[in-house]
Amino acid sequence: AASVVQSIMSAVDGFSLACPASAPFFGYFGAASAMALANLGAAYGTAKAGAGISGMGVSSPHLVMKALIPVVMAGVVGIYGLIIAVIISTKVSSPRLVDGSMKPQYTLFGGAAHLASGM
């Protein structure tokens, strides 16, 4: 059993186990989901606030300007999602040339962490 483990470890280096090729997928998916979910929330908030503004415009038109604050806050949620997506995507790093071969630098832990932070 020890010789089998030795042969596997000689064929696969430590970088490949900790940094698989699928790790950046999870990181970029976290960035995409951060932007998509934040903008869905912003759209929903804008729709609900718009319905409230139209209802308020009928009942008491002098308070319409105060009702615009939730629309602005809903837009801020969308911008927050964009900022988080940019921060996550800049943390995903490309492989680097080390001792004549390309070594990945982005771990599966980093990909999972960025996926979770984007959700």
C-alpha atoms as a PDB file:
ATOM      1  CA  ALA A   1       0.000   0.000   0.000  1.00  0.00           C
ATOM      2  CA  ALA A   2       2.878   2.356   0.718  1.00  0.00           C
ATOM      3  CA  SER A   3       4.327   1.838  -2.765  1.00  0.00           C
ATOM      4  CA  VAL A   4       0.972   2.726  -4.336  1.00  0.00           C
ATOM      5  CA  VAL A   5       0.831   5.955  -2.353  1.00  0.00           C
ATOM      6  CA  GLN A   6       4.441   6.704  -3.314  1.00  0.00           C
ATOM      7  CA  SER A   7       3.693   6.207  -7.013  1.00  0.00           C
ATOM      8  CA  ILE A   8       0.597   8.401  -6.840  1.00  0.00           C
ATOM      9  CA  MET A   9       2.485  11.145  -5.027  1.00  0.00           C
ATOM     10  CA  SER A  10       5.290  11.028  -7.571  1.00  0.00           C
ATOM     11  CA  ALA A  11       2.789  11.484 -10.422  1.00  0.00           C
ATOM     12  CA  VAL A  12       0.763  14.216  -8.695  1.00  0.00           C
ATOM     13  CA  ASP A  13       2.511  17.043  -6.897  1.00  0.00           C
ATOM     14  CA  GLY A  14       1.153  18.856  -3.866  1.00  0.00           C
ATOM     15  CA  PHE A  15       0.041  21.850  -5.917  1.00  0.00           C
ATOM     16  CA  SER A  16      -2.378  19.766  -7.950  1.00  0.00           C
ATOM     17  CA  LEU A  17      -4.101  18.380  -4.872  1.00  0.00           C
ATOM     18  CA  ALA A  18      -4.554  21.708  -3.103  1.00  0.00           C
ATOM     19  CA  CYS A  19      -5.086  23.793  -6.249  1.00  0.00           C
ATOM     20  CA  PRO A  20      -7.226  21.851  -8.728  1.00  0.00           C
ATOM     21  CA  ALA A  21      -8.138  23.356 -12.084  1.00  0.00           C
ATOM     22  CA  SER A  22     -11.755  23.727 -10.964  1.00  0.00           C
ATOM     23  CA  ALA A  23     -10.947  26.088  -8.068  1.00  0.00           C
ATOM     24  CA  PRO A  24     -11.167  29.318 -10.139  1.00  0.00           C
ATOM     25  CA  PHE A  25     -14.603  28.232 -11.370  1.00  0.00           C
ATOM     26  CA  PHE A  26     -15.938  28.334  -7.834  1.00  0.00           C
ATOM     27  CA  GLY A  27     -14.305  31.705  -7.168  1.00  0.00           C
ATOM     28  CA  TYR A  28     -15.698  33.316 -10.305  1.00  0.00           C
ATOM     29  CA  PHE A  29     -19.091  31.703  -9.676  1.00  0.00           C
ATOM     30  CA  GLY A  30     -19.091  33.368  -6.260  1.00  0.00           C
ATOM     31  CA  ALA A  31     -18.381  36.722  -7.900  1.00  0.00           C
ATOM     32  CA  ALA A  32     -21.130  36.187 -10.455  1.00  0.00           C
ATOM     33  CA  SER A  33     -23.637  35.108  -7.838  1.00  0.00           C
ATOM     34  CA  ALA A  34     -22.798  38.131  -5.664  1.00  0.00           C
ATOM     35  CA  MET A  35     -23.581  40.453  -8.535  1.00  0.00           C
ATOM     36  CA  ALA A  36     -26.656  38.562  -9.723  1.00  0.00           C
ATOM     37  CA  LEU A  37     -28.265  38.094  -6.314  1.00  0.00           C
ATOM     38  CA  ALA A  38     -27.583  41.663  -5.196  1.00  0.00           C
ATOM     39  CA  ASN A  39     -29.085  43.053  -8.389  1.00  0.00           C
ATOM     40  CA  LEU A  40     -32.119  40.782  -8.089  1.00  0.00           C
ATOM     41  CA  GLY A  41     -32.616  42.113  -4.575  1.00  0.00           C
ATOM     42  CA  ALA A  42     -32.172  45.680  -5.791  1.00  0.00           C
ATOM     43  CA  ALA A  43     -34.723  45.146  -8.559  1.00  0.00           C
ATOM     44  CA  TYR A  44     -37.206  43.644  -6.122  1.00  0.00           C
ATOM     45  CA  GLY A  45     -36.692  46.503  -3.672  1.00  0.00           C
ATOM     46  CA  THR A  46     -37.115  49.077  -6.424  1.00  0.00           C
ATOM     47  CA  ALA A  47     -40.331  47.423  -7.580  1.00  0.00           C
ATOM     48  CA  LYS A  48     -41.798  47.314  -4.093  1.00  0.00           C
ATOM     49  CA  ALA A  49     -40.750  50.900  -3.364  1.00  0.00           C
ATOM     50  CA  GLY A  50     -42.154  52.049  -6.712  1.00  0.00           C
ATOM     51  CA  ALA A  51     -45.491  50.465  -5.896  1.00  0.00           C
ATOM     52  CA  GLY A  52     -45.425  52.234  -2.540  1.00  0.00           C
ATOM     53  CA  ILE A  53     -44.626  55.578  -4.166  1.00  0.00           C
ATOM     54  CA  SER A  54     -47.500  55.240  -6.599  1.00  0.00           C
ATOM     55  CA  GLY A  55     -49.876  54.387  -3.769  1.00  0.00           C
ATOM     56  CA  MET A  56     -48.621  57.289  -1.700  1.00  0.00           C
ATOM     57  CA  GLY A  57     -48.909  59.667  -4.659  1.00  0.00           C
ATOM     58  CA  VAL A  58     -52.633  58.972  -4.779  1.00  0.00           C
ATOM     59  CA  SER A  59     -53.334  59.240  -1.059  1.00  0.00           C
ATOM     60  CA  SER A  60     -50.932  62.011  -0.009  1.00  0.00           C
ATOM     61  CA  PRO A  61     -48.969  63.637  -2.844  1.00  0.00           C
ATOM     62  CA  HIS A  62     -46.996  65.938  -0.560  1.00  0.00           C
ATOM     63  CA  LEU A  63     -45.032  62.937   0.857  1.00  0.00           C
ATOM     64  CA  VAL A  64     -43.827  61.532  -2.465  1.00  0.00           C
ATOM     65  CA  MET A  65     -40.329  62.981  -2.157  1.00  0.00           C
ATOM     66  CA  LYS A  66     -39.833  61.282   1.214  1.00  0.00           C
ATOM     67  CA  ALA A  67     -40.811  57.973  -0.367  1.00  0.00           C
ATOM     68  CA  LEU A  68     -37.881  58.109  -2.825  1.00  0.00           C
ATOM     69  CA  ILE A  69     -35.393  57.113  -0.117  1.00  0.00           C
ATOM     70  CA  PRO A  70     -36.177  53.346  -0.361  1.00  0.00           C
ATOM     71  CA  VAL A  71     -35.610  53.463  -4.127  1.00  0.00           C
ATOM     72  CA  VAL A  72     -32.165  54.971  -3.599  1.00  0.00           C
ATOM     73  CA  MET A  73     -31.344  52.395  -0.906  1.00  0.00           C
ATOM     74  CA  ALA A  74     -32.359  49.581  -3.246  1.00  0.00           C
ATOM     75  CA  GLY A  75     -29.935  50.937  -5.846  1.00  0.00           C
ATOM     76  CA  VAL A  76     -27.183  50.992  -3.230  1.00  0.00           C
ATOM     77  CA  VAL A  77     -27.716  47.261  -2.681  1.00  0.00           C
ATOM     78  CA  GLY A  78     -27.006  46.648  -6.383  1.00  0.00           C
ATOM     79  CA  ILE A  79     -23.821  48.727  -6.230  1.00  0.00           C
ATOM     80  CA  TYR A  80     -22.737  46.799  -3.131  1.00  0.00           C
ATOM     81  CA  GLY A  81     -23.069  43.543  -5.084  1.00  0.00           C
ATOM     82  CA  LEU A  82     -20.924  44.962  -7.877  1.00  0.00           C
ATOM     83  CA  ILE A  83     -18.219  46.012  -5.416  1.00  0.00           C
ATOM     84  CA  ILE A  84     -18.172  42.571  -3.781  1.00  0.00           C
ATOM     85  CA  ALA A  85     -17.955  40.882  -7.194  1.00  0.00           C
ATOM     86  CA  VAL A  86     -14.950  43.027  -8.155  1.00  0.00           C
ATOM     87  CA  ILE A  87     -13.202  42.297  -4.860  1.00  0.00           C
ATOM     88  CA  ILE A  88     -13.758  38.545  -5.239  1.00  0.00           C
ATOM     89  CA  SER A  89     -12.657  38.439  -8.880  1.00  0.00           C
ATOM     90  CA  THR A  90      -9.397  40.262  -8.162  1.00  0.00           C
ATOM     91  CA  LYS A  91      -8.480  37.637  -5.554  1.00  0.00           C
ATOM     92  CA  VAL A  92      -8.540  34.804  -8.115  1.00  0.00           C
ATOM     93  CA  SER A  93      -4.925  34.388  -9.227  1.00  0.00           C
ATOM     94  CA  SER A  94      -3.508  32.758 -12.327  1.00  0.00           C
ATOM     95  CA  PRO A  95      -0.828  30.036 -12.304  1.00  0.00           C
ATOM     96  CA  ARG A  96       2.781  31.215 -12.040  1.00  0.00           C
ATOM     97  CA  LEU A  97       5.949  29.861 -13.606  1.00  0.00           C
ATOM     98  CA  VAL A  98       8.015  28.145 -10.885  1.00  0.00           C
ATOM     99  CA  ASP A  99      11.112  26.076 -11.743  1.00  0.00           C
ATOM    100  CA  GLY A 100      10.130  25.778 -15.398  1.00  0.00           C
ATOM    101  CA  SER A 101       6.542  24.598 -14.851  1.00  0.00           C
ATOM    102  CA  MET A 102       3.250  26.330 -14.235  1.00  0.00           C
ATOM    103  CA  LYS A 103       2.157  26.091 -10.598  1.00  0.00           C
ATOM    104  CA  PRO A 104      -1.389  27.079  -9.639  1.00  0.00           C
ATOM    105  CA  GLN A 105      -1.725  29.639  -6.854  1.00  0.00           C
ATOM    106  CA  TYR A 106      -5.487  29.585  -6.229  1.00  0.00           C
ATOM    107  CA  THR A 107      -6.541  26.901  -3.781  1.00  0.00           C
ATOM    108  CA  LEU A 108      -9.790  25.010  -3.545  1.00  0.00           C
ATOM    109  CA  PHE A 109     -10.255  26.560  -0.107  1.00  0.00           C
ATOM    110  CA  GLY A 110     -10.072  30.026  -1.654  1.00  0.00           C
ATOM    111  CA  GLY A 111     -12.578  29.029  -4.324  1.00  0.00           C
ATOM    112  CA  ALA A 112     -15.012  27.669  -1.763  1.00  0.00           C
ATOM    113  CA  ALA A 113     -14.571  30.735   0.440  1.00  0.00           C
ATOM    114  CA  HIS A 114     -15.253  33.096  -2.454  1.00  0.00           C
ATOM    115  CA  LEU A 115     -18.259  31.032  -3.513  1.00  0.00           C
ATOM    116  CA  ALA A 116     -19.669  31.234  -0.001  1.00  0.00           C
ATOM    117  CA  SER A 117     -18.978  34.963   0.291  1.00  0.00           C
ATOM    118  CA  GLY A 118     -20.697  35.583  -3.027  1.00  0.00           C
ATOM    119  CA  MET A 119     -23.780  33.706  -1.971  1.00  0.00           C
END
